[in-house]
């Protein structure tokens, strides 16, 4: 049996943690469910028992493989209402 590459797994966890602090919104692909489930992280990503990168999530029992978790895309910024406000002031 091939020994897990702990440095590679730790790098995955570190990259995820740098981009997604505890409480960040994420999607998780739950077992047996077609649509991703939107939730929040409740821990940092870590290596479970020296062999698997995982994370704990809100409203999900137990931990989940980090490879099943993805970021929620950032919302596009709402257009500024400054021009409309300036237009009303002139009237």
C-alpha atoms as a PDB file:
ATOM      1  CA  UNK A   1       0.000   0.000   0.000  1.00  0.00           C
ATOM      2  CA  UNK A   2       1.290   3.452  -0.981  1.00  0.00           C
ATOM      3  CA  UNK A   3       2.149   5.765   1.923  1.00  0.00           C
ATOM      4  CA  UNK A   4       0.167   9.061   1.888  1.00  0.00           C
ATOM      5  CA  UNK A   5       2.102  12.205   0.912  1.00  0.00           C
ATOM      6  CA  UNK A   6       1.623  14.224   4.092  1.00  0.00           C
ATOM      7  CA  UNK A   7       3.414  17.309   2.721  1.00  0.00           C
ATOM      8  CA  UNK A   8       1.091  17.435  -0.301  1.00  0.00           C
ATOM      9  CA  UNK A   9      -2.006  17.004   1.875  1.00  0.00           C
ATOM     10  CA  UNK A  10      -0.807  19.704   4.280  1.00  0.00           C
ATOM     11  CA  UNK A  11      -0.211  22.061   1.340  1.00  0.00           C
ATOM     12  CA  UNK A  12      -3.823  21.437   0.197  1.00  0.00           C
ATOM     13  CA  UNK A  13      -5.105  22.214   3.696  1.00  0.00           C
ATOM     14  CA  UNK A  14      -2.932  25.327   3.993  1.00  0.00           C
ATOM     15  CA  UNK A  15      -4.105  26.669   0.612  1.00  0.00           C
ATOM     16  CA  UNK A  16      -7.752  26.039   1.496  1.00  0.00           C
ATOM     17  CA  UNK A  17      -7.380  27.649   4.926  1.00  0.00           C
ATOM     18  CA  UNK A  18      -5.646  30.718   3.470  1.00  0.00           C
ATOM     19  CA  UNK A  19      -8.532  31.267   1.041  1.00  0.00           C
ATOM     20  CA  UNK A  20     -11.420  30.235   3.320  1.00  0.00           C
ATOM     21  CA  UNK A  21     -11.403  31.258   6.988  1.00  0.00           C
ATOM     22  CA  UNK A  22     -13.622  29.482   9.506  1.00  0.00           C
ATOM     23  CA  UNK A  23     -17.189  30.600   8.817  1.00  0.00           C
ATOM     24  CA  UNK A  24     -16.688  30.972   5.047  1.00  0.00           C
ATOM     25  CA  UNK A  25     -19.561  29.930   2.777  1.00  0.00           C
ATOM     26  CA  UNK A  26     -18.766  26.835   0.734  1.00  0.00           C
ATOM     27  CA  UNK A  27     -20.493  24.155  -1.306  1.00  0.00           C
ATOM     28  CA  UNK A  28     -20.087  20.500  -0.391  1.00  0.00           C
ATOM     29  CA  UNK A  29     -20.944  17.598  -2.657  1.00  0.00           C
ATOM     30  CA  UNK A  30     -22.744  15.266  -0.257  1.00  0.00           C
ATOM     31  CA  UNK A  31     -22.756  11.519  -0.819  1.00  0.00           C
ATOM     32  CA  UNK A  32     -25.748  10.364  -2.880  1.00  0.00           C
ATOM     33  CA  UNK A  33     -26.998  13.913  -3.597  1.00  0.00           C
ATOM     34  CA  UNK A  34     -26.830  15.458  -7.081  1.00  0.00           C
ATOM     35  CA  UNK A  35     -26.886  19.151  -6.143  1.00  0.00           C
ATOM     36  CA  UNK A  36     -24.129  20.740  -4.035  1.00  0.00           C
ATOM     37  CA  UNK A  37     -25.178  21.776  -0.522  1.00  0.00           C
ATOM     38  CA  UNK A  38     -24.381  25.353   0.565  1.00  0.00           C
ATOM     39  CA  UNK A  39     -22.985  25.578   4.076  1.00  0.00           C
ATOM     40  CA  UNK A  40     -20.223  27.238   6.125  1.00  0.00           C
ATOM     41  CA  UNK A  41     -16.925  25.929   7.429  1.00  0.00           C
ATOM     42  CA  UNK A  42     -16.774  25.351  11.177  1.00  0.00           C
ATOM     43  CA  UNK A  43     -13.141  24.294  11.341  1.00  0.00           C
ATOM     44  CA  UNK A  44      -9.969  24.744   9.404  1.00  0.00           C
ATOM     45  CA  UNK A  45      -9.039  22.026   6.927  1.00  0.00           C
ATOM     46  CA  UNK A  46      -6.765  19.403   8.472  1.00  0.00           C
ATOM     47  CA  UNK A  47      -5.330  15.963   7.904  1.00  0.00           C
ATOM     48  CA  UNK A  48      -7.388  13.228   9.551  1.00  0.00           C
ATOM     49  CA  UNK A  49      -5.309  10.459  11.132  1.00  0.00           C
ATOM     50  CA  UNK A  50      -2.349  11.165   8.857  1.00  0.00           C
ATOM     51  CA  UNK A  51      -4.069  10.047   5.651  1.00  0.00           C
ATOM     52  CA  UNK A  52      -6.965  12.279   4.485  1.00  0.00           C
ATOM     53  CA  UNK A  53      -7.519  16.056   4.173  1.00  0.00           C
ATOM     54  CA  UNK A  54     -10.933  16.892   5.693  1.00  0.00           C
ATOM     55  CA  UNK A  55     -13.039  19.746   7.033  1.00  0.00           C
ATOM     56  CA  UNK A  56     -15.992  20.051   9.405  1.00  0.00           C
ATOM     57  CA  UNK A  57     -19.045  21.941   8.123  1.00  0.00           C
ATOM     58  CA  UNK A  58     -22.196  23.458   9.599  1.00  0.00           C
ATOM     59  CA  UNK A  59     -25.334  21.296   9.295  1.00  0.00           C
ATOM     60  CA  UNK A  60     -23.279  18.318   8.101  1.00  0.00           C
ATOM     61  CA  UNK A  61     -22.665  15.350  10.358  1.00  0.00           C
ATOM     62  CA  UNK A  62     -19.011  14.416  10.761  1.00  0.00           C
ATOM     63  CA  UNK A  63     -16.223  15.706   8.548  1.00  0.00           C
ATOM     64  CA  UNK A  64     -16.040  15.716   4.758  1.00  0.00           C
ATOM     65  CA  UNK A  65     -13.243  15.125   2.296  1.00  0.00           C
ATOM     66  CA  UNK A  66     -11.680  18.438   1.350  1.00  0.00           C
ATOM     67  CA  UNK A  67     -11.864  17.433  -2.326  1.00  0.00           C
ATOM     68  CA  UNK A  68     -15.691  17.503  -2.036  1.00  0.00           C
ATOM     69  CA  UNK A  69     -15.735  21.143  -0.871  1.00  0.00           C
ATOM     70  CA  UNK A  70     -15.594  24.221  -3.128  1.00  0.00           C
ATOM     71  CA  UNK A  71     -15.885  27.957  -2.669  1.00  0.00           C
ATOM     72  CA  UNK A  72     -19.151  29.812  -3.156  1.00  0.00           C
ATOM     73  CA  UNK A  73     -18.480  32.216  -6.050  1.00  0.00           C
ATOM     74  CA  UNK A  74     -18.206  35.849  -4.964  1.00  0.00           C
ATOM     75  CA  UNK A  75     -21.251  37.959  -5.751  1.00  0.00           C
ATOM     76  CA  UNK A  76     -20.788  40.563  -8.453  1.00  0.00           C
ATOM     77  CA  UNK A  77     -20.651  44.029  -6.955  1.00  0.00           C
ATOM     78  CA  UNK A  78     -23.908  45.922  -7.166  1.00  0.00           C
ATOM     79  CA  UNK A  79     -23.752  48.932  -9.466  1.00  0.00           C
ATOM     80  CA  UNK A  80     -23.251  52.199  -7.648  1.00  0.00           C
ATOM     81  CA  UNK A  81     -26.328  54.313  -7.053  1.00  0.00           C
ATOM     82  CA  UNK A  82     -24.293  57.555  -6.974  1.00  0.00           C
ATOM     83  CA  UNK A  83     -25.242  58.697 -10.523  1.00  0.00           C
ATOM     84  CA  UNK A  84     -28.952  58.189  -9.807  1.00  0.00           C
ATOM     85  CA  UNK A  85     -28.659  60.132  -6.547  1.00  0.00           C
ATOM     86  CA  UNK A  86     -26.836  62.992  -8.275  1.00  0.00           C
ATOM     87  CA  UNK A  87     -29.534  63.076 -10.983  1.00  0.00           C
ATOM     88  CA  UNK A  88     -32.314  63.399  -8.370  1.00  0.00           C
ATOM     89  CA  UNK A  89     -30.523  66.251  -6.642  1.00  0.00           C
ATOM     90  CA  UNK A  90     -30.401  68.278  -9.870  1.00  0.00           C
ATOM     91  CA  UNK A  91     -34.161  68.005 -10.455  1.00  0.00           C
END
